[in-house]
Amino acid sequence: MKGKNNWACFLMILAGIVIGGFIGSLFPNTFLNFGQTFGMETPLILNLGILVITFGLSIKITIGSILGIIIAIVIFRFL
């Protein structure tokens, strides 16, 4: 891994997550879409009078996204 850019690795892993999650959502009744959702169920709302800010975060980890991460790491190692 010497000489390889860490940002490129991060972007490859992010692409693997997105593509794996997309493939999992294409086949909703298969094992690829099985997973867990983490995060806030209701967003945090900060009302400052003239400005309203809403904070929320939800992460869904599926088998498809995990396989996407693994494939992205393998591809990155061979590049």
PDB file of N, CA and C in Angstrom:
ATOM      1  N   MET A   1       0.812  -1.188   0.000  1.00  0.00           N
ATOM      2  CA  MET A   1       0.000   0.000   0.000  1.00  0.00           C
ATOM      3  C   MET A   1       0.862   1.261   0.000  1.00  0.00           C
ATOM      4  N   LYS A   2       2.169   1.099  -0.121  1.00  0.00           N
ATOM      5  CA  LYS A   2       3.033   2.271  -0.154  1.00  0.00           C
ATOM      6  C   LYS A   2       2.785   3.076  -1.402  1.00  0.00           C
ATOM      7  N   GLY A   3       2.725   4.374  -1.233  1.00  0.00           N
ATOM      8  CA  GLY A   3       2.583   5.251  -2.372  1.00  0.00           C
ATOM      9  C   GLY A   3       1.153   5.429  -2.854  1.00  0.00           C
ATOM     10  N   LYS A   4       0.222   4.690  -2.281  1.00  0.00           N
ATOM     11  CA  LYS A   4      -1.172   4.843  -2.711  1.00  0.00           C
ATOM     12  C   LYS A   4      -1.831   5.937  -1.885  1.00  0.00           C
ATOM     13  N   ASN A   5      -2.741   6.609  -2.502  1.00  0.00           N
ATOM     14  CA  ASN A   5      -3.408   7.732  -1.880  1.00  0.00           C
ATOM     15  C   ASN A   5      -4.523   7.236  -0.957  1.00  0.00           C
ATOM     16  N   ASN A   6      -4.543   7.723   0.289  1.00  0.00           N
ATOM     17  CA  ASN A   6      -5.567   7.321   1.244  1.00  0.00           C
ATOM     18  C   ASN A   6      -6.942   7.839   0.838  1.00  0.00           C
ATOM     19  N   TRP A   7      -6.981   8.993   0.190  1.00  0.00           N
ATOM     20  CA  TRP A   7      -8.259   9.532  -0.262  1.00  0.00           C
ATOM     21  C   TRP A   7      -8.859   8.653  -1.355  1.00  0.00           C
ATOM     22  N   ALA A   8      -8.015   8.107  -2.201  1.00  0.00           N
ATOM     23  CA  ALA A   8      -8.508   7.208  -3.244  1.00  0.00           C
ATOM     24  C   ALA A   8      -9.094   5.944  -2.625  1.00  0.00           C
ATOM     25  N   CYS A   9      -8.461   5.436  -1.587  1.00  0.00           N
ATOM     26  CA  CYS A   9      -8.984   4.264  -0.879  1.00  0.00           C
ATOM     27  C   CYS A   9     -10.327   4.592  -0.232  1.00  0.00           C
ATOM     28  N   PHE A  10     -10.424   5.741   0.389  1.00  0.00           N
ATOM     29  CA  PHE A  10     -11.670   6.164   1.025  1.00  0.00           C
ATOM     30  C   PHE A  10     -12.791   6.295   0.004  1.00  0.00           C
ATOM     31  N   LEU A  11     -12.489   6.886  -1.148  1.00  0.00           N
ATOM     32  CA  LEU A  11     -13.497   7.042  -2.195  1.00  0.00           C
ATOM     33  C   LEU A  11     -13.910   5.698  -2.792  1.00  0.00           C
ATOM     34  N   MET A  12     -12.969   4.766  -2.917  1.00  0.00           N
ATOM     35  CA  MET A  12     -13.301   3.435  -3.411  1.00  0.00           C
ATOM     36  C   MET A  12     -14.221   2.716  -2.435  1.00  0.00           C
ATOM     37  N   ILE A  13     -13.941   2.829  -1.137  1.00  0.00           N
ATOM     38  CA  ILE A  13     -14.790   2.195  -0.130  1.00  0.00           C
ATOM     39  C   ILE A  13     -16.175   2.827  -0.132  1.00  0.00           C
ATOM     40  N   LEU A  14     -16.236   4.143  -0.257  1.00  0.00           N
ATOM     41  CA  LEU A  14     -17.528   4.835  -0.322  1.00  0.00           C
ATOM     42  C   LEU A  14     -18.320   4.386  -1.542  1.00  0.00           C
ATOM     43  N   ALA A  15     -17.651   4.262  -2.673  1.00  0.00           N
ATOM     44  CA  ALA A  15     -18.319   3.782  -3.887  1.00  0.00           C
ATOM     45  C   ALA A  15     -18.802   2.346  -3.699  1.00  0.00           C
ATOM     46  N   GLY A  16     -18.015   1.527  -3.013  1.00  0.00           N
ATOM     47  CA  GLY A  16     -18.431   0.155  -2.735  1.00  0.00           C
ATOM     48  C   GLY A  16     -19.670   0.101  -1.860  1.00  0.00           C
ATOM     49  N   ILE A  17     -19.745   0.991  -0.874  1.00  0.00           N
ATOM     50  CA  ILE A  17     -20.928   1.053  -0.008  1.00  0.00           C
ATOM     51  C   ILE A  17     -22.163   1.433  -0.816  1.00  0.00           C
ATOM     52  N   VAL A  18     -22.024   2.463  -1.636  1.00  0.00           N
ATOM     53  CA  VAL A  18     -23.168   2.952  -2.418  1.00  0.00           C
ATOM     54  C   VAL A  18     -23.620   1.908  -3.430  1.00  0.00           C
ATOM     55  N   ILE A  19     -22.692   1.333  -4.168  1.00  0.00           N
ATOM     56  CA  ILE A  19     -23.057   0.349  -5.190  1.00  0.00           C
ATOM     57  C   ILE A  19     -23.609  -0.917  -4.548  1.00  0.00           C
ATOM     58  N   GLY A  20     -23.007  -1.368  -3.438  1.00  0.00           N
ATOM     59  CA  GLY A  20     -23.520  -2.547  -2.746  1.00  0.00           C
ATOM     60  C   GLY A  20     -24.913  -2.317  -2.180  1.00  0.00           C
ATOM     61  N   GLY A  21     -25.152  -1.141  -1.613  1.00  0.00           N
ATOM     62  CA  GLY A  21     -26.488  -0.817  -1.115  1.00  0.00           C
ATOM     63  C   GLY A  21     -27.505  -0.721  -2.233  1.00  0.00           C
ATOM     64  N   PHE A  22     -27.080  -0.192  -3.377  1.00  0.00           N
ATOM     65  CA  PHE A  22     -27.975  -0.096  -4.536  1.00  0.00           C
ATOM     66  C   PHE A  22     -28.345  -1.478  -5.058  1.00  0.00           C
ATOM     67  N   ILE A  23     -27.362  -2.355  -5.153  1.00  0.00           N
ATOM     68  CA  ILE A  23     -27.628  -3.717  -5.618  1.00  0.00           C
ATOM     69  C   ILE A  23     -28.529  -4.444  -4.623  1.00  0.00           C
ATOM     70  N   GLY A  24     -28.315  -4.211  -3.324  1.00  0.00           N
ATOM     71  CA  GLY A  24     -29.191  -4.811  -2.322  1.00  0.00           C
ATOM     72  C   GLY A  24     -30.617  -4.322  -2.430  1.00  0.00           C
ATOM     73  N   SER A  25     -30.807  -3.052  -2.769  1.00  0.00           N
ATOM     74  CA  SER A  25     -32.165  -2.528  -2.909  1.00  0.00           C
ATOM     75  C   SER A  25     -32.828  -2.990  -4.209  1.00  0.00           C
ATOM     76  N   LEU A  26     -32.041  -3.394  -5.204  1.00  0.00           N
ATOM     77  CA  LEU A  26     -32.617  -3.929  -6.438  1.00  0.00           C
ATOM     78  C   LEU A  26     -33.248  -5.297  -6.214  1.00  0.00           C
ATOM     79  N   PHE A  27     -32.709  -6.051  -5.257  1.00  0.00           N
ATOM     80  CA  PHE A  27     -33.211  -7.388  -4.933  1.00  0.00           C
ATOM     81  C   PHE A  27     -33.682  -7.397  -3.480  1.00  0.00           C
ATOM     82  N   PRO A  28     -34.878  -6.867  -3.216  1.00  0.00           N
ATOM     83  CA  PRO A  28     -35.299  -6.664  -1.827  1.00  0.00           C
ATOM     84  C   PRO A  28     -35.590  -7.947  -1.049  1.00  0.00           C
ATOM     85  N   ASN A  29     -35.873  -9.046  -1.712  1.00  0.00           N
ATOM     86  CA  ASN A  29     -36.229 -10.273  -1.001  1.00  0.00           C
ATOM     87  C   ASN A  29     -35.075 -11.256  -0.907  1.00  0.00           C
ATOM     88  N   THR A  30     -33.850 -10.819  -1.123  1.00  0.00           N
ATOM     89  CA  THR A  30     -32.696 -11.701  -1.035  1.00  0.00           C
ATOM     90  C   THR A  30     -31.886 -11.365   0.208  1.00  0.00           C
ATOM     91  N   PHE A  31     -30.846 -12.152   0.464  1.00  0.00           N
ATOM     92  CA  PHE A  31     -29.997 -11.926   1.628  1.00  0.00           C
ATOM     93  C   PHE A  31     -29.176 -10.646   1.500  1.00  0.00           C
ATOM     94  N   LEU A  32     -29.029 -10.103   0.295  1.00  0.00           N
ATOM     95  CA  LEU A  32     -28.219  -8.898   0.100  1.00  0.00           C
ATOM     96  C   LEU A  32     -28.824  -7.679   0.779  1.00  0.00           C
ATOM     97  N   ASN A  33     -30.128  -7.670   0.965  1.00  0.00           N
ATOM     98  CA  ASN A  33     -30.800  -6.523   1.562  1.00  0.00           C
ATOM     99  C   ASN A  33     -30.996  -6.687   3.062  1.00  0.00           C
ATOM    100  N   PHE A  34     -30.511  -7.770   3.638  1.00  0.00           N
ATOM    101  CA  PHE A  34     -30.623  -7.992   5.075  1.00  0.00           C
ATOM    102  C   PHE A  34     -29.614  -7.106   5.798  1.00  0.00           C
ATOM    103  N   GLY A  35     -30.060  -6.405   6.822  1.00  0.00           N
ATOM    104  CA  GLY A  35     -29.136  -5.531   7.534  1.00  0.00           C
ATOM    105  C   GLY A  35     -29.766  -4.847   8.720  1.00  0.00           C
ATOM    106  N   GLN A  36     -29.087  -3.860   9.223  1.00  0.00           N
ATOM    107  CA  GLN A  36     -29.493  -3.132  10.416  1.00  0.00           C
ATOM    108  C   GLN A  36     -29.377  -1.634  10.158  1.00  0.00           C
ATOM    109  N   THR A  37     -30.290  -0.871  10.764  1.00  0.00           N
ATOM    110  CA  THR A  37     -30.266   0.579  10.657  1.00  0.00           C
ATOM    111  C   THR A  37     -29.896   1.178  12.004  1.00  0.00           C
ATOM    112  N   PHE A  38     -28.928   2.090  11.995  1.00  0.00           N
ATOM    113  CA  PHE A  38     -28.482   2.789  13.193  1.00  0.00           C
ATOM    114  C   PHE A  38     -28.728   4.273  13.016  1.00  0.00           C
ATOM    115  N   GLY A  39     -28.995   4.957  14.100  1.00  0.00           N
ATOM    116  CA  GLY A  39     -29.123   6.403  14.019  1.00  0.00           C
ATOM    117  C   GLY A  39     -30.270   6.934  14.843  1.00  0.00           C
ATOM    118  N   MET A  40     -30.609   8.168  14.573  1.00  0.00           N
ATOM    119  CA  MET A  40     -31.682   8.847  15.295  1.00  0.00           C
ATOM    120  C   MET A  40     -32.997   8.604  14.577  1.00  0.00           C
ATOM    121  N   GLU A  41     -34.025   8.178  15.329  1.00  0.00           N
ATOM    122  CA  GLU A  41     -35.337   7.971  14.711  1.00  0.00           C
ATOM    123  C   GLU A  41     -36.033   9.295  14.423  1.00  0.00           C
ATOM    124  N   THR A  42     -35.919  10.229  15.341  1.00  0.00           N
ATOM    125  CA  THR A  42     -36.496  11.559  15.121  1.00  0.00           C
ATOM    126  C   THR A  42     -35.356  12.567  15.077  1.00  0.00           C
ATOM    127  N   PRO A  43     -35.401  13.493  14.142  1.00  0.00           N
ATOM    128  CA  PRO A  43     -34.310  14.468  14.035  1.00  0.00           C
ATOM    129  C   PRO A  43     -34.334  15.475  15.189  1.00  0.00           C
ATOM    130  N   LEU A  44     -33.176  16.023  15.476  1.00  0.00           N
ATOM    131  CA  LEU A  44     -33.030  17.066  16.479  1.00  0.00           C
ATOM    132  C   LEU A  44     -33.252  18.410  15.783  1.00  0.00           C
ATOM    133  N   ILE A  45     -34.211  19.204  16.293  1.00  0.00           N
ATOM    134  CA  ILE A  45     -34.561  20.483  15.676  1.00  0.00           C
ATOM    135  C   ILE A  45     -34.128  21.615  16.591  1.00  0.00           C
ATOM    136  N   LEU A  46     -33.333  22.523  16.053  1.00  0.00           N
ATOM    137  CA  LEU A  46     -32.862  23.694  16.781  1.00  0.00           C
ATOM    138  C   LEU A  46     -33.514  24.930  16.171  1.00  0.00           C
ATOM    139  N   ASN A  47     -34.420  25.552  16.932  1.00  0.00           N
ATOM    140  CA  ASN A  47     -35.155  26.715  16.456  1.00  0.00           C
ATOM    141  C   ASN A  47     -34.546  27.963  17.081  1.00  0.00           C
ATOM    142  N   LEU A  48     -33.926  28.802  16.258  1.00  0.00           N
ATOM    143  CA  LEU A  48     -33.266  30.015  16.734  1.00  0.00           C
ATOM    144  C   LEU A  48     -34.082  31.275  16.436  1.00  0.00           C
ATOM    145  N   GLY A  49     -35.349  31.102  16.152  1.00  0.00           N
ATOM    146  CA  GLY A  49     -36.195  32.257  15.873  1.00  0.00           C
ATOM    147  C   GLY A  49     -36.258  32.570  14.390  1.00  0.00           C
ATOM    148  N   ILE A  50     -35.155  33.047  13.842  1.00  0.00           N
ATOM    149  CA  ILE A  50     -35.133  33.369  12.418  1.00  0.00           C
ATOM    150  C   ILE A  50     -34.523  32.246  11.587  1.00  0.00           C
ATOM    151  N   LEU A  51     -33.948  31.261  12.276  1.00  0.00           N
ATOM    152  CA  LEU A  51     -33.272  30.164  11.594  1.00  0.00           C
ATOM    153  C   LEU A  51     -33.633  28.859  12.296  1.00  0.00           C
ATOM    154  N   VAL A  52     -34.046  27.865  11.531  1.00  0.00           N
ATOM    155  CA  VAL A  52     -34.361  26.541  12.074  1.00  0.00           C
ATOM    156  C   VAL A  52     -33.382  25.546  11.455  1.00  0.00           C
ATOM    157  N   ILE A  53     -32.653  24.828  12.315  1.00  0.00           N
ATOM    158  CA  ILE A  53     -31.669  23.851  11.861  1.00  0.00           C
ATOM    159  C   ILE A  53     -32.133  22.475  12.314  1.00  0.00           C
ATOM    160  N   THR A  54     -32.115  21.509  11.403  1.00  0.00           N
ATOM    161  CA  THR A  54     -32.528  20.144  11.700  1.00  0.00           C
ATOM    162  C   THR A  54     -31.328  19.222  11.548  1.00  0.00           C
ATOM    163  N   PHE A  55     -31.024  18.469  12.593  1.00  0.00           N
ATOM    164  CA  PHE A  55     -29.926  17.510  12.584  1.00  0.00           C
ATOM    165  C   PHE A  55     -30.494  16.103  12.600  1.00  0.00           C
ATOM    166  N   GLY A  56     -29.960  15.236  11.758  1.00  0.00           N
ATOM    167  CA  GLY A  56     -30.381  13.846  11.739  1.00  0.00           C
ATOM    168  C   GLY A  56     -29.341  12.984  11.047  1.00  0.00           C
ATOM    169  N   LEU A  57     -29.212  11.758  11.524  1.00  0.00           N
ATOM    170  CA  LEU A  57     -28.255  10.834  10.929  1.00  0.00           C
ATOM    171  C   LEU A  57     -28.822   9.429  11.037  1.00  0.00           C
ATOM    172  N   SER A  58     -28.816   8.712   9.937  1.00  0.00           N
ATOM    173  CA  SER A  58     -29.272   7.333   9.910  1.00  0.00           C
ATOM    174  C   SER A  58     -28.376   6.563   8.953  1.00  0.00           C
ATOM    175  N   ILE A  59     -27.868   5.430   9.414  1.00  0.00           N
ATOM    176  CA  ILE A  59     -26.970   4.601   8.606  1.00  0.00           C
ATOM    177  C   ILE A  59     -27.570   3.212   8.503  1.00  0.00           C
ATOM    178  N   LYS A  60     -27.705   2.709   7.283  1.00  0.00           N
ATOM    179  CA  LYS A  60     -28.214   1.355   7.063  1.00  0.00           C
ATOM    180  C   LYS A  60     -27.088   0.489   6.526  1.00  0.00           C
ATOM    181  N   ILE A  61     -26.709  -0.507   7.301  1.00  0.00           N
ATOM    182  CA  ILE A  61     -25.644  -1.423   6.906  1.00  0.00           C
ATOM    183  C   ILE A  61     -26.303  -2.723   6.453  1.00  0.00           C
ATOM    184  N   THR A  62     -26.046  -3.115   5.207  1.00  0.00           N
ATOM    185  CA  THR A  62     -26.605  -4.343   4.662  1.00  0.00           C
ATOM    186  C   THR A  62     -25.491  -5.277   4.215  1.00  0.00           C
ATOM    187  N   ILE A  63     -25.866  -6.512   3.940  1.00  0.00           N
ATOM    188  CA  ILE A  63     -24.898  -7.490   3.433  1.00  0.00           C
ATOM    189  C   ILE A  63     -24.344  -7.020   2.089  1.00  0.00           C
ATOM    190  N   GLY A  64     -25.180  -6.415   1.267  1.00  0.00           N
ATOM    191  CA  GLY A  64     -24.736  -5.902  -0.029  1.00  0.00           C
ATOM    192  C   GLY A  64     -23.682  -4.824   0.117  1.00  0.00           C
ATOM    193  N   SER A  65     -23.858  -3.913   1.085  1.00  0.00           N
ATOM    194  CA  SER A  65     -22.859  -2.855   1.277  1.00  0.00           C
ATOM    195  C   SER A  65     -21.562  -3.416   1.848  1.00  0.00           C
ATOM    196  N   ILE A  66     -21.648  -4.435   2.699  1.00  0.00           N
ATOM    197  CA  ILE A  66     -20.431  -5.059   3.220  1.00  0.00           C
ATOM    198  C   ILE A  66     -19.672  -5.761   2.100  1.00  0.00           C
ATOM    199  N   LEU A  67     -20.401  -6.461   1.222  1.00  0.00           N
ATOM    200  CA  LEU A  67     -19.743  -7.086   0.071  1.00  0.00           C
ATOM    201  C   LEU A  67     -19.146  -6.034  -0.862  1.00  0.00           C
ATOM    202  N   GLY A  68     -19.823  -4.889  -1.004  1.00  0.00           N
ATOM    203  CA  GLY A  68     -19.282  -3.792  -1.810  1.00  0.00           C
ATOM    204  C   GLY A  68     -17.986  -3.248  -1.239  1.00  0.00           C
ATOM    205  N   ILE A  69     -17.907  -3.135   0.084  1.00  0.00           N
ATOM    206  CA  ILE A  69     -16.674  -2.677   0.739  1.00  0.00           C
ATOM    207  C   ILE A  69     -15.543  -3.660   0.478  1.00  0.00           C
ATOM    208  N   ILE A  70     -15.821  -4.946   0.635  1.00  0.00           N
ATOM    209  CA  ILE A  70     -14.782  -5.964   0.427  1.00  0.00           C
ATOM    210  C   ILE A  70     -14.287  -5.950  -1.015  1.00  0.00           C
ATOM    211  N   ILE A  71     -15.205  -5.862  -1.970  1.00  0.00           N
ATOM    212  CA  ILE A  71     -14.816  -5.832  -3.385  1.00  0.00           C
ATOM    213  C   ILE A  71     -14.014  -4.568  -3.691  1.00  0.00           C
ATOM    214  N   ALA A  72     -14.401  -3.421  -3.104  1.00  0.00           N
ATOM    215  CA  ALA A  72     -13.670  -2.165  -3.334  1.00  0.00           C
ATOM    216  C   ALA A  72     -12.249  -2.259  -2.788  1.00  0.00           C
ATOM    217  N   ILE A  73     -12.074  -2.879  -1.626  1.00  0.00           N
ATOM    218  CA  ILE A  73     -10.725  -3.025  -1.053  1.00  0.00           C
ATOM    219  C   ILE A  73      -9.866  -3.946  -1.910  1.00  0.00           C
ATOM    220  N   VAL A  74     -10.461  -5.043  -2.404  1.00  0.00           N
ATOM    221  CA  VAL A  74      -9.714  -5.961  -3.257  1.00  0.00           C
ATOM    222  C   VAL A  74      -9.299  -5.266  -4.560  1.00  0.00           C
ATOM    223  N   ILE A  75     -10.213  -4.519  -5.162  1.00  0.00           N
ATOM    224  CA  ILE A  75      -9.889  -3.789  -6.392  1.00  0.00           C
ATOM    225  C   ILE A  75      -8.806  -2.748  -6.121  1.00  0.00           C
ATOM    226  N   PHE A  76      -8.888  -2.048  -4.982  1.00  0.00           N
ATOM    227  CA  PHE A  76      -7.893  -1.022  -4.665  1.00  0.00           C
ATOM    228  C   PHE A  76      -6.512  -1.638  -4.474  1.00  0.00           C
ATOM    229  N   ARG A  77      -6.444  -2.813  -3.880  1.00  0.00           N
ATOM    230  CA  ARG A  77      -5.137  -3.450  -3.671  1.00  0.00           C
ATOM    231  C   ARG A  77      -4.468  -3.835  -4.984  1.00  0.00           C
ATOM    232  N   PHE A  78      -5.282  -4.175  -6.009  1.00  0.00           N
ATOM    233  CA  PHE A  78      -4.706  -4.578  -7.287  1.00  0.00           C
ATOM    234  C   PHE A  78      -4.444  -3.412  -8.220  1.00  0.00           C
ATOM    235  N   LEU A  79      -4.896  -2.222  -7.899  1.00  0.00           N
ATOM    236  CA  LEU A  79      -4.626  -1.053  -8.747  1.00  0.00           C
ATOM    237  C   LEU A  79      -3.231  -0.530  -8.533  1.00  0.00           C
TER     238      LEU A  79
END
